Amino acid sequence: MTSTPSVHDVAIRANVSASTVSRAFTRPELVSEKTRNRVLQAASELNFSVSRSSMALKSGQSFRIALLLSTPVTTWFGGNIFEGLDMVFHPAGYDISIYPINNVKSRADFFDVLPARRNADAVIVPSFNVDSREVARLKTMNVPIAGINTVSNENMSVWAAIDDAHGLRLIVRHLVSLRHRRITYVCRDPQSLLTLSAAQRIRGFKEACAQAHIKDDVLVIPDGDDSLQSTFNALINMQPMPTAICCQEDGIAIPLMCRLREFGLKIPGDISITGFDDGTYSQELGLTTIRQQPRLMGHDVAEKLLDLINHKTISEPYRTYPAELIIRSTTATPRDVDE
């Protein structure tokens, strides 16, 4: 029966010490590239591998990143955030553990349990804010905390976000330039449990409407399985109907656009509609929207977190990404502009 190769076997094959072999796997930054390549070559020839638990014990790390998601990872935003993070963490030997945070219990459980277990090397919070009590709990872990599209960078080691408010200002200014005066903003409840960063988009909408001296109509999507139908009914029953609809995200704009067309309304002939994200199908459907790049944000945050985990200094911990207006075919001058 063939015995399992050990660290000492690899050391002999690579002509280095056993401690150098250990460092090559657990602290590669402390080993020259030439020596590490020699160790890896010897390990490959011997079919040797270091167990994750062994690496964790020796390094004091868990090689696990905690990702809090208020939406499923299958959504466009969540999926792109995960992909960007994984592009950096996976090659570095880290696993990403997803913690769904979608109700009071799941949120409380996370902030009570994870800090006690201390089984993550970094915590990433996309799109919702953590309060002071939650931050205090996370800080007991002594690991970096990153925010992606959170309203504030306070208490964050790393932070990346698009300028949500400016994005809505760009949308409203575009519609006003087309001579729209009746614009309705359609969004999810800004007072929801998770206080999504998209609440800043309402602020941008209201500010732009005030600058244009027009009314800032906001329609909040009700909870429930028929939320889209209820929102559609509310829109078509407005007197007068808006000439343009700004949606909090493409995921609201696209199904609403389909429903309006089923009703017989022409877009943009009868009504203009805009989104926010420039996600899946937005280009194909010609949706005017704001482009954001969650994959890029995830990638950049992961690189900075990895540096912090490895006790390196980062030069730009906080970064705001510009909002980019993408004008397509769902916006035009309203028909009643001369009334």
Protein backbone atom coordinates (compact mmCIF):
# COMPACT_ATOMS: atom_id res chain seq x y z
CA MET A 1 0.00 0.00 0.00
CA THR A 2 1.46 3.37 -1.05
CA SER A 3 1.86 5.83 1.83
CA THR A 4 0.54 9.37 1.61
CA PRO A 5 3.36 11.85 0.89
CA SER A 6 4.20 14.27 3.69
CA VAL A 7 5.59 17.79 3.97
CA HIS A 8 9.00 16.25 4.64
CA ASP A 9 8.83 14.21 1.42
CA VAL A 10 8.14 17.39 -0.56
CA ALA A 11 10.97 19.18 1.26
CA ILE A 12 13.46 16.47 0.32
CA ARG A 13 12.29 16.44 -3.32
CA ALA A 14 12.48 20.26 -3.58
CA ASN A 15 15.71 20.47 -1.57
CA VAL A 16 14.23 22.95 0.92
CA SER A 17 13.23 22.84 4.58
CA ALA A 18 9.83 21.58 5.75
CA SER A 19 9.03 25.07 7.06
CA THR A 20 9.66 26.50 3.57
CA VAL A 21 7.18 23.99 2.11
CA SER A 22 4.63 25.06 4.71
CA ARG A 23 5.17 28.76 3.93
CA ALA A 24 4.92 28.10 0.18
CA PHE A 25 1.33 26.98 0.74
CA THR A 26 0.21 29.13 3.68
CA ARG A 27 2.23 32.36 3.28
CA PRO A 28 3.43 32.40 -0.35
CA GLU A 29 4.36 36.09 -0.15
CA LEU A 30 7.21 35.10 2.18
CA VAL A 31 8.76 32.70 -0.36
CA SER A 32 10.56 33.64 -3.55
CA GLU A 33 8.75 32.79 -6.77
CA LYS A 34 11.57 30.47 -7.85
CA THR A 35 11.49 28.51 -4.58
CA ARG A 36 7.71 28.33 -4.50
CA ASN A 37 7.61 27.00 -8.06
CA ARG A 38 10.13 24.33 -7.08
CA VAL A 39 7.98 23.35 -4.08
CA LEU A 40 4.82 23.24 -6.20
CA GLN A 41 6.56 21.11 -8.81
CA ALA A 42 7.74 18.65 -6.15
CA ALA A 43 4.27 18.55 -4.60
CA SER A 44 2.73 17.84 -7.99
CA GLU A 45 5.16 15.02 -8.71
CA LEU A 46 4.35 13.43 -5.33
CA ASN A 47 0.57 14.09 -5.58
CA PHE A 48 0.84 16.05 -2.34
CA SER A 49 -1.79 18.54 -1.19
CA VAL A 50 -2.22 20.62 1.97
CA SER A 51 -5.62 20.26 3.60
CA ARG A 52 -7.64 23.41 4.11
CA SER A 53 -7.95 22.68 7.84
CA SER A 54 -4.18 22.31 8.15
CA MET A 55 -3.60 25.60 6.36
CA ALA A 56 -6.15 27.31 8.58
CA LEU A 57 -4.54 26.01 11.76
CA LYS A 58 -1.08 27.12 10.73
CA SER A 59 -2.04 30.52 9.35
CA GLY A 60 -4.82 31.43 11.76
CA GLN A 61 -7.10 32.04 8.75
CA SER A 62 -10.30 30.29 7.73
CA PHE A 63 -9.81 30.89 3.99
CA ARG A 64 -13.50 31.80 3.90
CA ILE A 65 -15.13 35.09 2.87
CA ALA A 66 -18.62 35.91 4.19
CA LEU A 67 -20.90 37.50 1.58
CA LEU A 68 -24.21 38.91 2.82
CA LEU A 69 -26.87 39.05 0.10
CA SER A 70 -30.32 40.59 0.45
CA THR A 71 -31.25 39.26 -3.01
CA PRO A 72 -30.61 35.80 -4.50
CA VAL A 73 -27.21 35.21 -6.07
CA THR A 74 -29.14 34.31 -9.24
CA THR A 75 -30.18 37.95 -9.71
CA TRP A 76 -28.19 40.08 -12.13
CA PHE A 77 -26.65 42.26 -9.43
CA GLY A 78 -25.93 39.48 -6.93
CA GLY A 79 -24.56 37.16 -9.58
CA ASN A 80 -22.19 39.77 -10.97
CA ILE A 81 -20.97 40.76 -7.51
CA PHE A 82 -20.22 37.10 -6.76
CA GLU A 83 -18.46 36.59 -10.09
CA GLY A 84 -16.23 39.62 -9.57
CA LEU A 85 -15.30 38.49 -6.05
CA ASP A 86 -14.68 34.91 -7.12
CA MET A 87 -12.33 35.98 -9.92
CA VAL A 88 -9.93 37.15 -7.21
CA PHE A 89 -10.64 34.95 -4.20
CA HIS A 90 -10.83 31.54 -5.89
CA PRO A 91 -7.31 31.61 -7.38
CA ALA A 92 -6.04 32.81 -3.99
CA GLY A 93 -7.53 29.75 -2.29
CA TYR A 94 -10.54 31.35 -0.61
CA ASP A 95 -14.12 30.09 -0.57
CA ILE A 96 -17.06 32.50 -0.57
CA SER A 97 -19.86 31.63 1.84
CA ILE A 98 -23.19 33.27 0.97
CA TYR A 99 -25.45 34.34 3.82
CA PRO A 100 -28.98 35.23 2.64
CA ILE A 101 -30.18 38.26 4.61
CA ASN A 102 -33.84 38.65 3.66
CA ASN A 103 -35.75 38.94 6.93
CA VAL A 104 -35.36 39.97 10.55
CA LYS A 105 -34.41 36.48 11.75
CA SER A 106 -31.74 35.79 9.12
CA ARG A 107 -30.19 39.18 9.75
CA ALA A 108 -30.14 38.71 13.53
CA ASP A 109 -28.80 35.17 13.21
CA PHE A 110 -25.89 36.26 11.05
CA PHE A 111 -24.72 39.10 13.27
CA ASP A 112 -25.07 36.99 16.40
CA VAL A 113 -23.57 33.73 15.13
CA LEU A 114 -20.74 34.57 12.71
CA PRO A 115 -18.78 36.88 15.04
CA ALA A 116 -18.97 34.23 17.75
CA ARG A 117 -17.59 31.55 15.41
CA ARG A 118 -14.97 33.82 13.86
CA ASN A 119 -14.97 31.63 10.76
CA ALA A 120 -14.44 34.25 8.04
CA ASP A 121 -11.42 36.31 7.01
CA ALA A 122 -13.52 39.18 5.65
CA VAL A 123 -17.16 40.24 5.50
CA ILE A 124 -18.74 41.83 2.41
CA VAL A 125 -22.03 43.72 2.57
CA PRO A 126 -23.59 44.63 -0.80
CA SER A 127 -26.44 47.14 -1.10
CA PHE A 128 -27.69 47.48 2.45
CA ASN A 129 -26.41 49.24 5.52
CA VAL A 130 -25.27 47.66 8.74
CA ASP A 131 -26.12 49.60 11.90
CA SER A 132 -23.70 50.55 14.65
CA ARG A 133 -24.54 47.50 16.80
CA GLU A 134 -23.93 45.16 13.87
CA VAL A 135 -20.65 46.84 13.00
CA ALA A 136 -19.53 46.55 16.62
CA ARG A 137 -20.25 42.81 16.50
CA LEU A 138 -18.31 42.37 13.27
CA LYS A 139 -15.35 44.30 14.63
CA THR A 140 -14.92 41.73 17.37
CA MET A 141 -13.79 39.35 14.59
CA ASN A 142 -10.85 41.65 13.75
CA VAL A 143 -11.35 41.14 10.02
CA PRO A 144 -11.86 43.72 7.26
CA ILE A 145 -15.42 44.73 6.37
CA ALA A 146 -16.31 45.81 2.83
CA GLY A 147 -19.37 47.63 1.54
CA ILE A 148 -20.55 47.51 -2.07
CA ASN A 149 -23.22 50.04 -3.02
CA THR A 150 -23.95 50.75 0.63
CA VAL A 151 -25.15 54.25 1.43
CA SER A 152 -22.21 55.06 3.68
CA ASN A 153 -18.57 54.00 3.89
CA GLU A 154 -18.51 54.66 7.63
CA ASN A 155 -16.84 51.81 9.54
CA MET A 156 -15.91 50.09 6.27
CA SER A 157 -12.35 48.93 5.60
CA VAL A 158 -13.09 48.89 1.85
CA TRP A 159 -15.99 50.50 0.02
CA ALA A 160 -17.13 50.71 -3.60
CA ALA A 161 -20.35 52.23 -4.90
CA ILE A 162 -21.96 53.89 -7.85
CA ASP A 163 -23.31 57.40 -7.32
CA ASP A 164 -26.98 56.34 -7.14
CA ALA A 165 -28.37 59.83 -6.62
CA HIS A 166 -26.43 61.27 -9.55
CA GLY A 167 -27.67 58.43 -11.74
CA LEU A 168 -31.29 59.46 -11.17
CA ARG A 169 -30.43 63.10 -11.69
CA LEU A 170 -29.02 62.16 -15.11
CA ILE A 171 -32.20 60.23 -15.97
CA VAL A 172 -34.53 63.07 -14.95
CA ARG A 173 -32.45 65.68 -16.76
CA HIS A 174 -32.59 63.54 -19.89
CA LEU A 175 -36.38 63.27 -19.67
CA VAL A 176 -36.76 66.97 -18.94
CA SER A 177 -34.59 67.75 -21.98
CA LEU A 178 -37.17 65.78 -23.99
CA ARG A 179 -39.81 68.12 -22.46
CA HIS A 180 -41.40 65.64 -20.08
CA ARG A 181 -43.20 67.32 -17.16
CA ARG A 182 -45.13 64.39 -15.63
CA ILE A 183 -42.57 61.87 -14.44
CA THR A 184 -43.26 59.09 -11.94
CA TYR A 185 -40.55 57.19 -10.05
CA VAL A 186 -41.42 53.52 -9.41
CA CYS A 187 -39.51 51.82 -6.61
CA ARG A 188 -39.56 49.26 -3.85
CA ASP A 189 -40.27 50.38 -0.30
CA PRO A 190 -37.37 52.68 0.72
CA GLN A 191 -38.20 52.02 4.39
CA SER A 192 -37.72 48.28 4.04
CA LEU A 193 -35.80 46.23 6.57
CA LEU A 194 -32.53 46.34 4.67
CA THR A 195 -32.46 50.03 3.70
CA LEU A 196 -31.19 49.37 0.18
CA SER A 197 -28.73 51.83 -1.30
CA ALA A 198 -31.34 52.42 -4.01
CA ALA A 199 -33.05 54.70 -1.49
CA GLN A 200 -30.44 57.26 -2.58
CA ARG A 201 -31.99 57.11 -6.04
CA ILE A 202 -35.20 58.58 -4.64
CA ARG A 203 -33.17 61.48 -3.29
CA GLY A 204 -31.60 62.04 -6.70
CA PHE A 205 -35.02 61.86 -8.36
CA LYS A 206 -36.53 64.42 -6.00
CA GLU A 207 -33.57 66.77 -6.30
CA ALA A 208 -33.69 66.71 -10.10
CA CYS A 209 -37.44 67.27 -10.14
CA ALA A 210 -37.05 70.24 -7.80
CA GLN A 211 -34.37 71.71 -10.06
CA ALA A 212 -36.70 71.32 -13.04
CA HIS A 213 -39.68 72.73 -11.08
CA ILE A 214 -41.82 69.66 -11.68
CA LYS A 215 -43.73 67.43 -9.26
CA ASP A 216 -41.81 64.47 -7.83
CA ASP A 217 -44.35 61.64 -8.02
CA VAL A 218 -43.14 58.44 -6.32
CA LEU A 219 -45.04 55.14 -6.64
CA VAL A 220 -43.97 52.48 -4.15
CA ILE A 221 -44.43 48.88 -5.29
CA PRO A 222 -46.62 47.02 -2.78
CA ASP A 223 -45.53 43.72 -1.26
CA GLY A 224 -47.17 40.53 -2.50
CA ASP A 225 -47.31 38.15 -5.44
CA ASP A 226 -49.37 40.56 -7.57
CA SER A 227 -47.10 43.56 -6.93
CA LEU A 228 -46.42 44.14 -10.64
CA GLN A 229 -50.10 44.08 -11.53
CA SER A 230 -50.92 46.42 -8.65
CA THR A 231 -48.22 48.84 -9.81
CA PHE A 232 -49.44 48.67 -13.40
CA ASN A 233 -53.03 49.34 -12.29
CA ALA A 234 -51.93 52.34 -10.24
CA LEU A 235 -50.04 53.81 -13.19
CA ILE A 236 -52.79 53.51 -15.79
CA ASN A 237 -55.35 54.90 -13.34
CA MET A 238 -53.36 58.06 -12.66
CA GLN A 239 -55.15 61.18 -13.84
CA PRO A 240 -53.40 62.35 -15.86
CA MET A 241 -51.05 59.48 -16.60
CA PRO A 242 -47.34 60.22 -16.44
CA THR A 243 -45.59 60.74 -19.75
CA ALA A 244 -42.46 59.05 -18.38
CA ILE A 245 -41.70 56.38 -15.80
CA CYS A 246 -38.35 56.13 -14.01
CA CYS A 247 -37.80 52.71 -12.47
CA GLN A 248 -35.50 51.93 -9.57
CA GLU A 249 -33.89 49.12 -11.57
CA ASP A 250 -34.08 47.34 -14.91
CA GLY A 251 -35.72 44.41 -13.13
CA ILE A 252 -38.76 46.62 -12.56
CA ALA A 253 -38.65 48.49 -15.86
CA ILE A 254 -38.55 45.47 -18.19
CA PRO A 255 -41.61 43.55 -16.91
CA LEU A 256 -43.51 46.82 -16.52
CA MET A 257 -42.64 47.76 -20.09
CA CYS A 258 -43.99 44.42 -21.30
CA ARG A 259 -47.22 44.92 -19.36
CA LEU A 260 -47.73 48.42 -20.75
CA ARG A 261 -47.27 47.15 -24.30
CA GLU A 262 -49.73 44.32 -23.68
CA PHE A 263 -52.19 46.99 -22.61
CA GLY A 264 -51.76 48.64 -26.00
CA LEU A 265 -49.47 51.53 -25.09
CA LYS A 266 -46.58 52.35 -27.40
CA ILE A 267 -43.14 52.90 -25.94
CA PRO A 268 -41.91 55.56 -26.30
CA GLY A 269 -44.79 56.93 -28.41
CA ASP A 270 -47.35 56.93 -25.58
CA ILE A 271 -45.03 56.74 -22.60
CA SER A 272 -41.28 56.72 -21.98
CA ILE A 273 -39.65 54.37 -19.50
CA THR A 274 -36.17 54.12 -17.98
CA GLY A 275 -34.30 51.66 -15.76
CA PHE A 276 -31.13 51.51 -13.71
CA ASP A 277 -28.38 48.84 -14.02
CA ASP A 278 -27.95 48.11 -17.75
CA GLY A 279 -28.36 44.44 -16.88
CA THR A 280 -29.49 41.36 -18.76
CA TYR A 281 -31.64 42.09 -21.86
CA SER A 282 -31.54 45.89 -21.38
CA GLN A 283 -29.56 46.43 -24.57
CA GLU A 284 -31.64 43.94 -26.56
CA LEU A 285 -34.87 45.64 -25.46
CA GLY A 286 -33.54 49.13 -26.14
CA LEU A 287 -34.00 50.29 -22.55
CA THR A 288 -32.69 53.72 -21.63
CA THR A 289 -30.93 53.19 -18.32
CA ILE A 290 -28.00 53.94 -16.03
CA ARG A 291 -25.05 51.59 -16.38
CA GLN A 292 -23.35 50.20 -13.31
CA GLN A 293 -20.73 47.45 -13.18
CA PRO A 294 -21.13 45.19 -10.13
CA ARG A 295 -18.64 42.63 -11.48
CA LEU A 296 -15.94 45.32 -11.63
CA MET A 297 -16.87 46.59 -8.16
CA GLY A 298 -16.71 43.06 -6.76
CA HIS A 299 -13.34 42.44 -8.41
CA ASP A 300 -11.84 45.70 -7.10
CA VAL A 301 -13.15 45.13 -3.57
CA ALA A 302 -11.78 41.57 -3.54
CA GLU A 303 -8.30 42.73 -4.56
CA LYS A 304 -8.24 45.30 -1.76
CA LEU A 305 -9.57 42.85 0.81
CA LEU A 306 -6.96 40.30 -0.17
CA ASP A 307 -4.26 42.90 0.41
CA LEU A 308 -5.69 43.74 3.84
CA ILE A 309 -5.93 40.04 4.76
CA ASN A 310 -2.25 39.73 3.83
CA HIS A 311 -1.42 42.80 5.98
CA LYS A 312 -0.65 45.05 3.03
CA THR A 313 -1.48 48.75 2.79
CA ILE A 314 -4.06 49.85 0.21
CA SER A 315 -3.93 53.30 -1.37
CA GLU A 316 -7.60 53.82 -2.24
CA PRO A 317 -9.92 52.05 0.23
CA TYR A 318 -13.01 54.00 -0.86
CA ARG A 319 -14.07 54.45 -4.47
CA THR A 320 -17.16 55.96 -6.08
CA TYR A 321 -17.87 54.81 -9.63
CA PRO A 322 -19.46 57.31 -12.02
CA ALA A 323 -23.03 56.77 -13.19
CA GLU A 324 -23.29 56.51 -16.98
CA LEU A 325 -26.49 57.39 -18.83
CA ILE A 326 -27.22 54.95 -21.67
CA ILE A 327 -29.79 56.44 -24.04
CA ARG A 328 -31.66 53.92 -26.16
CA SER A 329 -35.11 53.68 -27.73
CA THR A 330 -37.54 53.73 -24.77
CA THR A 331 -37.44 57.51 -24.29
CA ALA A 332 -38.72 60.24 -26.61
CA THR A 333 -40.54 63.57 -26.57
CA PRO A 334 -44.12 63.13 -25.25
CA ARG A 335 -47.01 63.53 -27.68
CA ASP A 336 -48.81 66.15 -25.61
CA VAL A 337 -45.78 68.39 -25.32
CA ASP A 338 -47.56 71.30 -27.02
CA GLU A 339 -50.73 71.08 -24.89
